[in-house]
């Protein structure tokens, strides 16, 4: 993760929450639209592309990207998988919750945004 990104930037927010949850310092993570898709490209590769654009003799418009987009939901699932936590989803829309798969049978209070509960 890029340390220059603020703590509210979604990738940083998710990875910091995973670490805090594993350390027992946090038990919930609140997020907005889990289905929002992003190109999660690698910053050094984007910088290289920018440098290559500047090497062109004639100015042109370029689009930089990996050509792949993935949802915030996918990022959450992968981040928790790295920590050994399987996430299951319950509910839909603003009532959707991500829970440790082990605890999916337990109901918890509904929130206006998706959230995660760890026991």
PDB file of N, CA and C in Angstrom:
ATOM      1  N   UNK A   1       0.824  -1.181   0.000  1.00  0.00           N
ATOM      2  CA  UNK A   1       0.000   0.000   0.000  1.00  0.00           C
ATOM      3  C   UNK A   1       0.872   1.250   0.000  1.00  0.00           C
ATOM      4  N   UNK A   2       0.365   2.239  -0.649  1.00  0.00           N
ATOM      5  CA  UNK A   2       1.083   3.499  -0.734  1.00  0.00           C
ATOM      6  C   UNK A   2       0.893   4.278   0.572  1.00  0.00           C
ATOM      7  N   UNK A   3       1.967   4.561   1.309  1.00  0.00           N
ATOM      8  CA  UNK A   3       1.832   5.276   2.581  1.00  0.00           C
ATOM      9  C   UNK A   3       1.375   6.720   2.401  1.00  0.00           C
ATOM     10  N   UNK A   4       1.415   7.235   1.179  1.00  0.00           N
ATOM     11  CA  UNK A   4       0.975   8.609   0.933  1.00  0.00           C
ATOM     12  C   UNK A   4      -0.543   8.729   0.851  1.00  0.00           C
ATOM     13  N   UNK A   5      -1.208   7.596   0.720  1.00  0.00           N
ATOM     14  CA  UNK A   5      -2.669   7.634   0.648  1.00  0.00           C
ATOM     15  C   UNK A   5      -3.224   7.811   2.048  1.00  0.00           C
ATOM     16  N   UNK A   6      -4.247   8.628   2.148  1.00  0.00           N
ATOM     17  CA  UNK A   6      -4.878   8.881   3.439  1.00  0.00           C
ATOM     18  C   UNK A   6      -5.534   7.629   3.997  1.00  0.00           C
ATOM     19  N   UNK A   7      -5.774   7.629   5.290  1.00  0.00           N
ATOM     20  CA  UNK A   7      -6.351   6.471   5.959  1.00  0.00           C
ATOM     21  C   UNK A   7      -7.785   6.194   5.539  1.00  0.00           C
ATOM     22  N   UNK A   8      -8.428   7.171   4.885  1.00  0.00           N
ATOM     23  CA  UNK A   8      -9.794   6.950   4.422  1.00  0.00           C
ATOM     24  C   UNK A   8      -9.845   6.472   2.973  1.00  0.00           C
ATOM     25  N   UNK A   9      -8.709   6.427   2.278  1.00  0.00           N
ATOM     26  CA  UNK A   9      -8.663   5.863   0.933  1.00  0.00           C
ATOM     27  C   UNK A   9      -9.020   4.390   1.073  1.00  0.00           C
ATOM     28  N   UNK A  10      -9.923   3.888   0.237  1.00  0.00           N
ATOM     29  CA  UNK A  10     -10.554   2.595   0.501  1.00  0.00           C
ATOM     30  C   UNK A  10      -9.566   1.437   0.675  1.00  0.00           C
ATOM     31  N   UNK A  11      -8.516   1.364  -0.142  1.00  0.00           N
ATOM     32  CA  UNK A  11      -7.579   0.246   0.021  1.00  0.00           C
ATOM     33  C   UNK A  11      -6.853   0.335   1.356  1.00  0.00           C
ATOM     34  N   UNK A  12      -6.491   1.527   1.734  1.00  0.00           N
ATOM     35  CA  UNK A  12      -5.790   1.736   3.015  1.00  0.00           C
ATOM     36  C   UNK A  12      -6.738   1.480   4.178  1.00  0.00           C
ATOM     37  N   UNK A  13      -7.973   1.953   4.038  1.00  0.00           N
ATOM     38  CA  UNK A  13      -8.965   1.752   5.093  1.00  0.00           C
ATOM     39  C   UNK A  13      -9.182   0.256   5.342  1.00  0.00           C
ATOM     40  N   UNK A  14      -9.279  -0.514   4.263  1.00  0.00           N
ATOM     41  CA  UNK A  14      -9.516  -1.958   4.389  1.00  0.00           C
ATOM     42  C   UNK A  14      -8.306  -2.657   5.008  1.00  0.00           C
ATOM     43  N   UNK A  15      -7.111  -2.394   4.506  1.00  0.00           N
ATOM     44  CA  UNK A  15      -5.930  -3.098   5.013  1.00  0.00           C
ATOM     45  C   UNK A  15      -5.621  -2.708   6.450  1.00  0.00           C
ATOM     46  N   UNK A  16      -5.834  -1.456   6.810  1.00  0.00           N
ATOM     47  CA  UNK A  16      -5.625  -1.044   8.208  1.00  0.00           C
ATOM     48  C   UNK A  16      -6.637  -1.734   9.128  1.00  0.00           C
ATOM     49  N   UNK A  17      -7.871  -1.862   8.642  1.00  0.00           N
ATOM     50  CA  UNK A  17      -8.902  -2.527   9.446  1.00  0.00           C
ATOM     51  C   UNK A  17      -8.578  -4.003   9.641  1.00  0.00           C
ATOM     52  N   UNK A  18      -8.106  -4.667   8.605  1.00  0.00           N
ATOM     53  CA  UNK A  18      -7.721  -6.079   8.742  1.00  0.00           C
ATOM     54  C   UNK A  18      -6.661  -6.223   9.828  1.00  0.00           C
ATOM     55  N   UNK A  19      -5.650  -5.367   9.787  1.00  0.00           N
ATOM     56  CA  UNK A  19      -4.581  -5.427  10.796  1.00  0.00           C
ATOM     57  C   UNK A  19      -5.130  -5.142  12.194  1.00  0.00           C
ATOM     58  N   UNK A  20      -5.989  -4.142  12.311  1.00  0.00           N
ATOM     59  CA  UNK A  20      -6.550  -3.787  13.615  1.00  0.00           C
ATOM     60  C   UNK A  20      -7.462  -4.890  14.152  1.00  0.00           C
ATOM     61  N   UNK A  21      -8.205  -5.525  13.266  1.00  0.00           N
ATOM     62  CA  UNK A  21      -9.077  -6.627  13.682  1.00  0.00           C
ATOM     63  C   UNK A  21      -8.245  -7.799  14.169  1.00  0.00           C
ATOM     64  N   UNK A  22      -7.190  -8.130  13.462  1.00  0.00           N
ATOM     65  CA  UNK A  22      -6.308  -9.222  13.897  1.00  0.00           C
ATOM     66  C   UNK A  22      -5.647  -8.917  15.232  1.00  0.00           C
ATOM     67  N   UNK A  23      -5.368  -7.634  15.479  1.00  0.00           N
ATOM     68  CA  UNK A  23      -4.727  -7.229  16.729  1.00  0.00           C
ATOM     69  C   UNK A  23      -5.740  -7.062  17.858  1.00  0.00           C
ATOM     70  N   UNK A  24      -7.020  -7.241  17.566  1.00  0.00           N
ATOM     71  CA  UNK A  24      -8.050  -7.096  18.596  1.00  0.00           C
ATOM     72  C   UNK A  24      -8.372  -5.656  18.939  1.00  0.00           C
ATOM     73  N   UNK A  25      -7.963  -4.727  18.114  1.00  0.00           N
ATOM     74  CA  UNK A  25      -8.198  -3.300  18.383  1.00  0.00           C
ATOM     75  C   UNK A  25      -9.450  -2.765  17.699  1.00  0.00           C
ATOM     76  N   UNK A  26     -10.057  -3.554  16.828  1.00  0.00           N
ATOM     77  CA  UNK A  26     -11.219  -3.118  16.062  1.00  0.00           C
ATOM     78  C   UNK A  26     -12.079  -4.339  15.796  1.00  0.00           C
ATOM     79  N   UNK A  27     -13.397  -4.143  15.736  1.00  0.00           N
ATOM     80  CA  UNK A  27     -14.242  -5.287  15.420  1.00  0.00           C
ATOM     81  C   UNK A  27     -15.191  -5.036  14.258  1.00  0.00           C
ATOM     82  N   UNK A  28     -15.206  -3.826  13.701  1.00  0.00           N
ATOM     83  CA  UNK A  28     -16.079  -3.523  12.573  1.00  0.00           C
ATOM     84  C   UNK A  28     -15.347  -2.656  11.565  1.00  0.00           C
ATOM     85  N   UNK A  29     -15.773  -2.784  10.323  1.00  0.00           N
ATOM     86  CA  UNK A  29     -15.266  -1.961   9.224  1.00  0.00           C
ATOM     87  C   UNK A  29     -16.476  -1.477   8.454  1.00  0.00           C
ATOM     88  N   UNK A  30     -16.659  -0.162   8.368  1.00  0.00           N
ATOM     89  CA  UNK A  30     -17.772   0.411   7.640  1.00  0.00           C
ATOM     90  C   UNK A  30     -17.304   0.850   6.263  1.00  0.00           C
ATOM     91  N   UNK A  31     -18.048   0.417   5.239  1.00  0.00           N
ATOM     92  CA  UNK A  31     -17.721   0.787   3.864  1.00  0.00           C
ATOM     93  C   UNK A  31     -18.989   1.224   3.147  1.00  0.00           C
ATOM     94  N   UNK A  32     -18.816   1.899   2.040  1.00  0.00           N
ATOM     95  CA  UNK A  32     -19.944   2.315   1.217  1.00  0.00           C
ATOM     96  C   UNK A  32     -20.283   1.248   0.190  1.00  0.00           C
ATOM     97  N   UNK A  33     -20.257   1.607  -1.082  1.00  0.00           N
ATOM     98  CA  UNK A  33     -20.665   0.730  -2.167  1.00  0.00           C
ATOM     99  C   UNK A  33     -19.646  -0.385  -2.400  1.00  0.00           C
ATOM    100  N   UNK A  34     -20.018  -1.589  -2.025  1.00  0.00           N
ATOM    101  CA  UNK A  34     -19.124  -2.739  -2.181  1.00  0.00           C
ATOM    102  C   UNK A  34     -18.983  -3.173  -3.629  1.00  0.00           C
ATOM    103  N   UNK A  35     -19.916  -2.757  -4.473  1.00  0.00           N
ATOM    104  CA  UNK A  35     -19.882  -3.179  -5.865  1.00  0.00           C
ATOM    105  C   UNK A  35     -19.191  -2.158  -6.774  1.00  0.00           C
ATOM    106  N   UNK A  36     -18.699  -1.062  -6.206  1.00  0.00           N
ATOM    107  CA  UNK A  36     -17.939  -0.093  -7.000  1.00  0.00           C
ATOM    108  C   UNK A  36     -16.699  -0.792  -7.545  1.00  0.00           C
ATOM    109  N   UNK A  37     -16.417  -0.569  -8.813  1.00  0.00           N
ATOM    110  CA  UNK A  37     -15.263  -1.226  -9.448  1.00  0.00           C
ATOM    111  C   UNK A  37     -14.154  -0.219  -9.691  1.00  0.00           C
ATOM    112  N   UNK A  38     -12.927  -0.687  -9.522  1.00  0.00           N
ATOM    113  CA  UNK A  38     -11.743   0.153  -9.707  1.00  0.00           C
ATOM    114  C   UNK A  38     -10.681  -0.636 -10.438  1.00  0.00           C
ATOM    115  N   UNK A  39      -9.797   0.095 -11.086  1.00  0.00           N
ATOM    116  CA  UNK A  39      -8.585  -0.486 -11.666  1.00  0.00           C
ATOM    117  C   UNK A  39      -7.546  -0.347 -10.568  1.00  0.00           C
ATOM    118  N   UNK A  40      -7.197  -1.448  -9.920  1.00  0.00           N
ATOM    119  CA  UNK A  40      -6.284  -1.412  -8.773  1.00  0.00           C
ATOM    120  C   UNK A  40      -4.830  -1.542  -9.239  1.00  0.00           C
ATOM    121  N   UNK A  41      -4.450  -0.795 -10.254  1.00  0.00           N
ATOM    122  CA  UNK A  41      -3.103  -0.887 -10.815  1.00  0.00           C
ATOM    123  C   UNK A  41      -2.005  -0.541  -9.817  1.00  0.00           C
ATOM    124  N   UNK A  42      -0.793  -0.894 -10.184  1.00  0.00           N
ATOM    125  CA  UNK A  42       0.394  -0.720  -9.339  1.00  0.00           C
ATOM    126  C   UNK A  42       1.051   0.627  -9.655  1.00  0.00           C
ATOM    127  N   UNK A  43       1.172   1.505  -8.666  1.00  0.00           N
ATOM    128  CA  UNK A  43       1.635   2.876  -8.868  1.00  0.00           C
ATOM    129  C   UNK A  43       2.954   2.995  -9.640  1.00  0.00           C
ATOM    130  N   UNK A  44       3.994   2.218  -9.333  1.00  0.00           N
ATOM    131  CA  UNK A  44       5.240   2.355 -10.098  1.00  0.00           C
ATOM    132  C   UNK A  44       5.054   2.114 -11.601  1.00  0.00           C
ATOM    133  N   UNK A  45       4.146   1.230 -11.948  1.00  0.00           N
ATOM    134  CA  UNK A  45       3.880   0.990 -13.363  1.00  0.00           C
ATOM    135  C   UNK A  45       3.196   2.204 -14.000  1.00  0.00           C
ATOM    136  N   UNK A  46       2.337   2.874 -13.255  1.00  0.00           N
ATOM    137  CA  UNK A  46       1.698   4.083 -13.770  1.00  0.00           C
ATOM    138  C   UNK A  46       2.724   5.193 -13.956  1.00  0.00           C
ATOM    139  N   UNK A  47       3.662   5.296 -13.043  1.00  0.00           N
ATOM    140  CA  UNK A  47       4.711   6.310 -13.164  1.00  0.00           C
ATOM    141  C   UNK A  47       5.571   6.037 -14.395  1.00  0.00           C
ATOM    142  N   UNK A  48       5.863   4.785 -14.635  1.00  0.00           N
ATOM    143  CA  UNK A  48       6.625   4.441 -15.838  1.00  0.00           C
ATOM    144  C   UNK A  48       5.853   4.855 -17.094  1.00  0.00           C
ATOM    145  N   UNK A  49       4.550   4.612 -17.104  1.00  0.00           N
ATOM    146  CA  UNK A  49       3.730   5.020 -18.248  1.00  0.00           C
ATOM    147  C   UNK A  49       3.746   6.533 -18.416  1.00  0.00           C
ATOM    148  N   UNK A  50       3.687   7.262 -17.316  1.00  0.00           N
ATOM    149  CA  UNK A  50       3.741   8.721 -17.393  1.00  0.00           C
ATOM    150  C   UNK A  50       5.061   9.173 -17.996  1.00  0.00           C
ATOM    151  N   UNK A  51       6.147   8.548 -17.582  1.00  0.00           N
ATOM    152  CA  UNK A  51       7.464   8.897 -18.118  1.00  0.00           C
ATOM    153  C   UNK A  51       7.501   8.609 -19.617  1.00  0.00           C
ATOM    154  N   UNK A  52       6.967   7.460 -20.029  1.00  0.00           N
ATOM    155  CA  UNK A  52       6.946   7.112 -21.450  1.00  0.00           C
ATOM    156  C   UNK A  52       6.103   8.103 -22.256  1.00  0.00           C
ATOM    157  N   UNK A  53       5.007   8.577 -21.669  1.00  0.00           N
ATOM    158  CA  UNK A  53       4.188   9.581 -22.352  1.00  0.00           C
ATOM    159  C   UNK A  53       4.984  10.861 -22.582  1.00  0.00           C
ATOM    160  N   UNK A  54       5.790  11.236 -21.597  1.00  0.00           N
ATOM    161  CA  UNK A  54       6.598  12.456 -21.713  1.00  0.00           C
ATOM    162  C   UNK A  54       7.719  12.318 -22.735  1.00  0.00           C
ATOM    163  N   UNK A  55       8.041  11.090 -23.114  1.00  0.00           N
ATOM    164  CA  UNK A  55       9.108  10.871 -24.086  1.00  0.00           C
ATOM    165  C   UNK A  55       8.611  10.989 -25.525  1.00  0.00           C
ATOM    166  N   UNK A  56       7.314  11.106 -25.717  1.00  0.00           N
ATOM    167  CA  UNK A  56       6.761  11.192 -27.063  1.00  0.00           C
ATOM    168  C   UNK A  56       7.116  12.533 -27.700  1.00  0.00           C
ATOM    169  N   UNK A  57       7.411  12.508 -28.986  1.00  0.00           N
ATOM    170  CA  UNK A  57       7.759  13.739 -29.694  1.00  0.00           C
ATOM    171  C   UNK A  57       6.552  14.644 -29.875  1.00  0.00           C
ATOM    172  N   UNK A  58       5.389  14.058 -30.001  1.00  0.00           N
ATOM    173  CA  UNK A  58       4.170  14.814 -30.253  1.00  0.00           C
ATOM    174  C   UNK A  58       3.182  14.563 -29.109  1.00  0.00           C
ATOM    175  N   UNK A  59       2.614  15.616 -28.507  1.00  0.00           N
ATOM    176  CA  UNK A  59       1.649  15.418 -27.418  1.00  0.00           C
ATOM    177  C   UNK A  59       0.410  14.667 -27.909  1.00  0.00           C
ATOM    178  N   UNK A  60      -0.045  13.728 -27.129  1.00  0.00           N
ATOM    179  CA  UNK A  60      -1.251  12.965 -27.442  1.00  0.00           C
ATOM    180  C   UNK A  60      -1.997  12.686 -26.143  1.00  0.00           C
ATOM    181  N   UNK A  61      -3.229  12.228 -26.273  1.00  0.00           N
ATOM    182  CA  UNK A  61      -4.003  11.795 -25.117  1.00  0.00           C
ATOM    183  C   UNK A  61      -3.784  10.303 -24.920  1.00  0.00           C
ATOM    184  N   UNK A  62      -3.555   9.895 -23.679  1.00  0.00           N
ATOM    185  CA  UNK A  62      -3.352   8.495 -23.348  1.00  0.00           C
ATOM    186  C   UNK A  62      -4.251   8.104 -22.181  1.00  0.00           C
ATOM    187  N   UNK A  63      -4.613   6.861 -22.145  1.00  0.00           N
ATOM    188  CA  UNK A  63      -5.330   6.298 -21.005  1.00  0.00           C
ATOM    189  C   UNK A  63      -4.424   5.243 -20.405  1.00  0.00           C
ATOM    190  N   UNK A  64      -4.185   5.349 -19.101  1.00  0.00           N
ATOM    191  CA  UNK A  64      -3.319   4.396 -18.413  1.00  0.00           C
ATOM    192  C   UNK A  64      -4.202   3.491 -17.557  1.00  0.00           C
ATOM    193  N   UNK A  65      -3.995   2.203 -17.655  1.00  0.00           N
ATOM    194  CA  UNK A  65      -4.757   1.273 -16.839  1.00  0.00           C
ATOM    195  C   UNK A  65      -4.304  -0.146 -17.101  1.00  0.00           C
ATOM    196  N   UNK A  66      -4.763  -1.049 -16.260  1.00  0.00           N
ATOM    197  CA  UNK A  66      -4.407  -2.457 -16.423  1.00  0.00           C
ATOM    198  C   UNK A  66      -5.368  -3.156 -17.373  1.00  0.00           C
ATOM    199  N   UNK A  67      -6.532  -2.544 -17.595  1.00  0.00           N
ATOM    200  CA  UNK A  67      -7.551  -3.192 -18.414  1.00  0.00           C
ATOM    201  C   UNK A  67      -8.428  -4.136 -17.602  1.00  0.00           C
ATOM    202  N   UNK A  68      -8.188  -4.215 -16.305  1.00  0.00           N
ATOM    203  CA  UNK A  68      -8.989  -5.063 -15.420  1.00  0.00           C
ATOM    204  C   UNK A  68      -9.574  -4.211 -14.314  1.00  0.00           C
ATOM    205  N   UNK A  69     -10.833  -4.447 -13.999  1.00  0.00           N
ATOM    206  CA  UNK A  69     -11.417  -3.763 -12.856  1.00  0.00           C
ATOM    207  C   UNK A  69     -11.967  -4.803 -11.891  1.00  0.00           C
ATOM    208  N   UNK A  70     -11.877  -4.484 -10.623  1.00  0.00           N
ATOM    209  CA  UNK A  70     -12.339  -5.380  -9.564  1.00  0.00           C
ATOM    210  C   UNK A  70     -13.112  -4.561  -8.543  1.00  0.00           C
ATOM    211  N   UNK A  71     -14.072  -5.195  -7.904  1.00  0.00           N
ATOM    212  CA  UNK A  71     -14.935  -4.482  -6.955  1.00  0.00           C
ATOM    213  C   UNK A  71     -14.268  -4.325  -5.588  1.00  0.00           C
ATOM    214  N   UNK A  72     -14.813  -3.399  -4.831  1.00  0.00           N
ATOM    215  CA  UNK A  72     -14.385  -3.214  -3.441  1.00  0.00           C
ATOM    216  C   UNK A  72     -14.640  -4.510  -2.679  1.00  0.00           C
ATOM    217  N   UNK A  73     -15.740  -5.173  -2.975  1.00  0.00           N
ATOM    218  CA  UNK A  73     -16.076  -6.454  -2.338  1.00  0.00           C
ATOM    219  C   UNK A  73     -14.951  -7.474  -2.553  1.00  0.00           C
ATOM    220  N   UNK A  74     -14.457  -7.578  -3.787  1.00  0.00           N
ATOM    221  CA  UNK A  74     -13.358  -8.509  -4.080  1.00  0.00           C
ATOM    222  C   UNK A  74     -12.115  -8.145  -3.276  1.00  0.00           C
ATOM    223  N   UNK A  75     -11.827  -6.844  -3.185  1.00  0.00           N
ATOM    224  CA  UNK A  75     -10.655  -6.394  -2.431  1.00  0.00           C
ATOM    225  C   UNK A  75     -10.793  -6.796  -0.960  1.00  0.00           C
ATOM    226  N   UNK A  76     -11.988  -6.597  -0.407  1.00  0.00           N
ATOM    227  CA  UNK A  76     -12.242  -6.969   0.993  1.00  0.00           C
ATOM    228  C   UNK A  76     -12.016  -8.469   1.190  1.00  0.00           C
ATOM    229  N   UNK A  77     -12.596  -9.273   0.308  1.00  0.00           N
ATOM    230  CA  UNK A  77     -12.471 -10.730   0.438  1.00  0.00           C
ATOM    231  C   UNK A  77     -11.014 -11.169   0.377  1.00  0.00           C
ATOM    232  N   UNK A  78     -10.261 -10.621  -0.555  1.00  0.00           N
ATOM    233  CA  UNK A  78      -8.849 -11.001  -0.706  1.00  0.00           C
ATOM    234  C   UNK A  78      -8.023 -10.531   0.483  1.00  0.00           C
ATOM    235  N   UNK A  79      -8.278  -9.313   0.947  1.00  0.00           N
ATOM    236  CA  UNK A  79      -7.522  -8.789   2.099  1.00  0.00           C
ATOM    237  C   UNK A  79      -7.734  -9.670   3.325  1.00  0.00           C
ATOM    238  N   UNK A  80      -8.972 -10.073   3.573  1.00  0.00           N
ATOM    239  CA  UNK A  80      -9.236 -10.918   4.729  1.00  0.00           C
ATOM    240  C   UNK A  80      -8.725 -12.341   4.514  1.00  0.00           C
ATOM    241  N   UNK A  81      -8.753 -12.825   3.274  1.00  0.00           N
ATOM    242  CA  UNK A  81      -8.189 -14.153   2.995  1.00  0.00           C
ATOM    243  C   UNK A  81      -6.710 -14.187   3.353  1.00  0.00           C
ATOM    244  N   UNK A  82      -5.976 -13.122   3.027  1.00  0.00           N
ATOM    245  CA  UNK A  82      -4.557 -13.065   3.386  1.00  0.00           C
ATOM    246  C   UNK A  82      -4.363 -13.164   4.890  1.00  0.00           C
ATOM    247  N   UNK A  83      -5.353 -12.702   5.642  1.00  0.00           N
ATOM    248  CA  UNK A  83      -5.272 -12.763   7.102  1.00  0.00           C
ATOM    249  C   UNK A  83      -5.855 -14.064   7.647  1.00  0.00           C
ATOM    250  N   UNK A  84      -6.273 -14.961   6.746  1.00  0.00           N
ATOM    251  CA  UNK A  84      -6.821 -16.235   7.182  1.00  0.00           C
ATOM    252  C   UNK A  84      -8.268 -16.163   7.622  1.00  0.00           C
ATOM    253  N   UNK A  85      -8.983 -15.118   7.219  1.00  0.00           N
ATOM    254  CA  UNK A  85     -10.384 -14.948   7.603  1.00  0.00           C
ATOM    255  C   UNK A  85     -11.256 -15.051   6.360  1.00  0.00           C
ATOM    256  N   UNK A  86     -12.180 -16.008   6.361  1.00  0.00           N
ATOM    257  CA  UNK A  86     -13.113 -16.150   5.245  1.00  0.00           C
ATOM    258  C   UNK A  86     -14.325 -15.272   5.518  1.00  0.00           C
ATOM    259  N   UNK A  87     -14.696 -14.464   4.531  1.00  0.00           N
ATOM    260  CA  UNK A  87     -15.828 -13.551   4.662  1.00  0.00           C
ATOM    261  C   UNK A  87     -17.029 -14.139   3.933  1.00  0.00           C
ATOM    262  N   UNK A  88     -18.185 -14.081   4.582  1.00  0.00           N
ATOM    263  CA  UNK A  88     -19.448 -14.441   3.954  1.00  0.00           C
ATOM    264  C   UNK A  88     -20.332 -13.204   3.962  1.00  0.00           C
ATOM    265  N   UNK A  89     -21.281 -13.140   3.064  1.00  0.00           N
ATOM    266  CA  UNK A  89     -22.127 -11.960   2.932  1.00  0.00           C
ATOM    267  C   UNK A  89     -23.564 -12.304   3.302  1.00  0.00           C
ATOM    268  N   UNK A  90     -24.227 -11.386   3.971  1.00  0.00           N
ATOM    269  CA  UNK A  90     -25.600 -11.582   4.411  1.00  0.00           C
ATOM    270  C   UNK A  90     -26.367 -10.292   4.155  1.00  0.00           C
ATOM    271  N   UNK A  91     -27.577 -10.403   3.643  1.00  0.00           N
ATOM    272  CA  UNK A  91     -28.388  -9.226   3.361  1.00  0.00           C
ATOM    273  C   UNK A  91     -28.088  -8.668   1.979  1.00  0.00           C
ATOM    274  N   UNK A  92     -28.654  -7.479   1.706  1.00  0.00           N
ATOM    275  CA  UNK A  92     -28.410  -6.842   0.424  1.00  0.00           C
ATOM    276  C   UNK A  92     -28.547  -5.330   0.567  1.00  0.00           C
ATOM    277  N   UNK A  93     -28.027  -4.623  -0.414  1.00  0.00           N
ATOM    278  CA  UNK A  93     -28.114  -3.172  -0.413  1.00  0.00           C
ATOM    279  C   UNK A  93     -27.477  -2.567   0.817  1.00  0.00           C
ATOM    280  N   UNK A  94     -28.141  -1.576   1.391  1.00  0.00           N
ATOM    281  CA  UNK A  94     -27.579  -0.906   2.567  1.00  0.00           C
ATOM    282  C   UNK A  94     -27.635  -1.763   3.818  1.00  0.00           C
ATOM    283  N   UNK A  95     -28.355  -2.883   3.746  1.00  0.00           N
ATOM    284  CA  UNK A  95     -28.434  -3.800   4.887  1.00  0.00           C
ATOM    285  C   UNK A  95     -27.425  -4.937   4.787  1.00  0.00           C
ATOM    286  N   UNK A  96     -26.582  -4.909   3.766  1.00  0.00           N
ATOM    287  CA  UNK A  96     -25.632  -6.010   3.589  1.00  0.00           C
ATOM    288  C   UNK A  96     -24.526  -5.955   4.636  1.00  0.00           C
ATOM    289  N   UNK A  97     -24.146  -7.155   5.096  1.00  0.00           N
ATOM    290  CA  UNK A  97     -23.087  -7.277   6.088  1.00  0.00           C
ATOM    291  C   UNK A  97     -22.097  -8.330   5.617  1.00  0.00           C
ATOM    292  N   UNK A  98     -20.856  -8.110   5.906  1.00  0.00           N
ATOM    293  CA  UNK A  98     -19.857  -9.137   5.709  1.00  0.00           C
ATOM    294  C   UNK A  98     -19.511  -9.688   7.076  1.00  0.00           C
ATOM    295  N   UNK A  99     -19.561 -10.994   7.218  1.00  0.00           N
ATOM    296  CA  UNK A  99     -19.269 -11.626   8.504  1.00  0.00           C
ATOM    297  C   UNK A  99     -18.247 -12.716   8.306  1.00  0.00           C
ATOM    298  N   UNK A 100     -17.525 -13.016   9.359  1.00  0.00           N
ATOM    299  CA  UNK A 100     -16.720 -14.225   9.314  1.00  0.00           C
ATOM    300  C   UNK A 100     -17.658 -15.348   8.949  1.00  0.00           C
ATOM    301  N   UNK A 101     -17.316 -16.139   7.987  1.00  0.00           N
ATOM    302  CA  UNK A 101     -18.214 -17.197   7.507  1.00  0.00           C
ATOM    303  C   UNK A 101     -18.723 -18.050   8.658  1.00  0.00           C
ATOM    304  N   UNK A 102     -17.898 -18.218   9.684  1.00  0.00           N
ATOM    305  CA  UNK A 102     -18.254 -19.008  10.862  1.00  0.00           C
ATOM    306  C   UNK A 102     -19.469 -18.433  11.589  1.00  0.00           C
ATOM    307  N   UNK A 103     -19.684 -17.110  11.489  1.00  0.00           N
ATOM    308  CA  UNK A 103     -20.737 -16.451  12.265  1.00  0.00           C
ATOM    309  C   UNK A 103     -21.924 -16.013  11.421  1.00  0.00           C
ATOM    310  N   UNK A 104     -22.058 -16.495  10.213  1.00  0.00           N
ATOM    311  CA  UNK A 104     -23.151 -16.061   9.346  1.00  0.00           C
ATOM    312  C   UNK A 104     -24.533 -16.330   9.928  1.00  0.00           C
ATOM    313  N   UNK A 105     -24.665 -17.331  10.765  1.00  0.00           N
ATOM    314  CA  UNK A 105     -25.971 -17.641  11.319  1.00  0.00           C
ATOM    315  C   UNK A 105     -26.414 -16.613  12.360  1.00  0.00           C
ATOM    316  N   UNK A 106     -25.507 -15.820  12.912  1.00  0.00           N
ATOM    317  CA  UNK A 106     -25.853 -14.816  13.918  1.00  0.00           C
ATOM    318  C   UNK A 106     -26.335 -13.539  13.254  1.00  0.00           C
ATOM    319  N   UNK A 107     -27.402 -12.963  13.773  1.00  0.00           N
ATOM    320  CA  UNK A 107     -27.879 -11.696  13.248  1.00  0.00           C
ATOM    321  C   UNK A 107     -27.287 -10.568  14.085  1.00  0.00           C
ATOM    322  N   UNK A 108     -27.084  -9.447  13.462  1.00  0.00           N
ATOM    323  CA  UNK A 108     -26.537  -8.289  14.146  1.00  0.00           C
ATOM    324  C   UNK A 108     -27.320  -7.064  13.712  1.00  0.00           C
ATOM    325  N   UNK A 109     -27.164  -5.960  14.426  1.00  0.00           N
ATOM    326  CA  UNK A 109     -27.888  -4.740  14.092  1.00  0.00           C
ATOM    327  C   UNK A 109     -27.566  -4.274  12.676  1.00  0.00           C
ATOM    328  N   UNK A 110     -28.570  -3.788  12.005  1.00  0.00           N
ATOM    329  CA  UNK A 110     -28.382  -3.294  10.639  1.00  0.00           C
ATOM    330  C   UNK A 110     -27.865  -1.864  10.674  1.00  0.00           C
ATOM    331  N   UNK A 111     -27.038  -1.535   9.707  1.00  0.00           N
ATOM    332  CA  UNK A 111     -26.443  -0.207   9.589  1.00  0.00           C
ATOM    333  C   UNK A 111     -26.723   0.356   8.201  1.00  0.00           C
ATOM    334  N   UNK A 112     -26.577   1.669   7.998  1.00  0.00           N
ATOM    335  CA  UNK A 112     -26.832   2.256   6.697  1.00  0.00           C
ATOM    336  C   UNK A 112     -25.759   1.938   5.654  1.00  0.00           C
ATOM    337  N   UNK A 113     -24.649   1.359   6.065  1.00  0.00           N
ATOM    338  CA  UNK A 113     -23.588   0.961   5.133  1.00  0.00           C
ATOM    339  C   UNK A 113     -23.194  -0.470   5.453  1.00  0.00           C
ATOM    340  N   UNK A 114     -22.547  -1.104   4.510  1.00  0.00           N
ATOM    341  CA  UNK A 114     -22.083  -2.467   4.759  1.00  0.00           C
ATOM    342  C   UNK A 114     -21.079  -2.439   5.908  1.00  0.00           C
ATOM    343  N   UNK A 115     -21.088  -3.452   6.740  1.00  0.00           N
ATOM    344  CA  UNK A 115     -20.110  -3.509   7.810  1.00  0.00           C
ATOM    345  C   UNK A 115     -19.748  -4.935   8.123  1.00  0.00           C
ATOM    346  N   UNK A 116     -18.686  -5.094   8.870  1.00  0.00           N
ATOM    347  CA  UNK A 116     -18.119  -6.396   9.160  1.00  0.00           C
ATOM    348  C   UNK A 116     -18.026  -6.570  10.652  1.00  0.00           C
ATOM    349  N   UNK A 117     -18.397  -7.731  11.123  1.00  0.00           N
ATOM    350  CA  UNK A 117     -18.371  -8.007  12.558  1.00  0.00           C
ATOM    351  C   UNK A 117     -17.496  -9.230  12.804  1.00  0.00           C
ATOM    352  N   UNK A 118     -16.579  -9.135  13.724  1.00  0.00           N
ATOM    353  CA  UNK A 118     -15.665 -10.230  14.027  1.00  0.00           C
ATOM    354  C   UNK A 118     -15.772 -10.589  15.494  1.00  0.00           C
ATOM    355  N   UNK A 119     -15.855 -11.878  15.761  1.00  0.00           N
ATOM    356  CA  UNK A 119     -15.953 -12.356  17.150  1.00  0.00           C
ATOM    357  C   UNK A 119     -14.757 -13.198  17.477  1.00  0.00           C
TER     358      UNK A 119
END
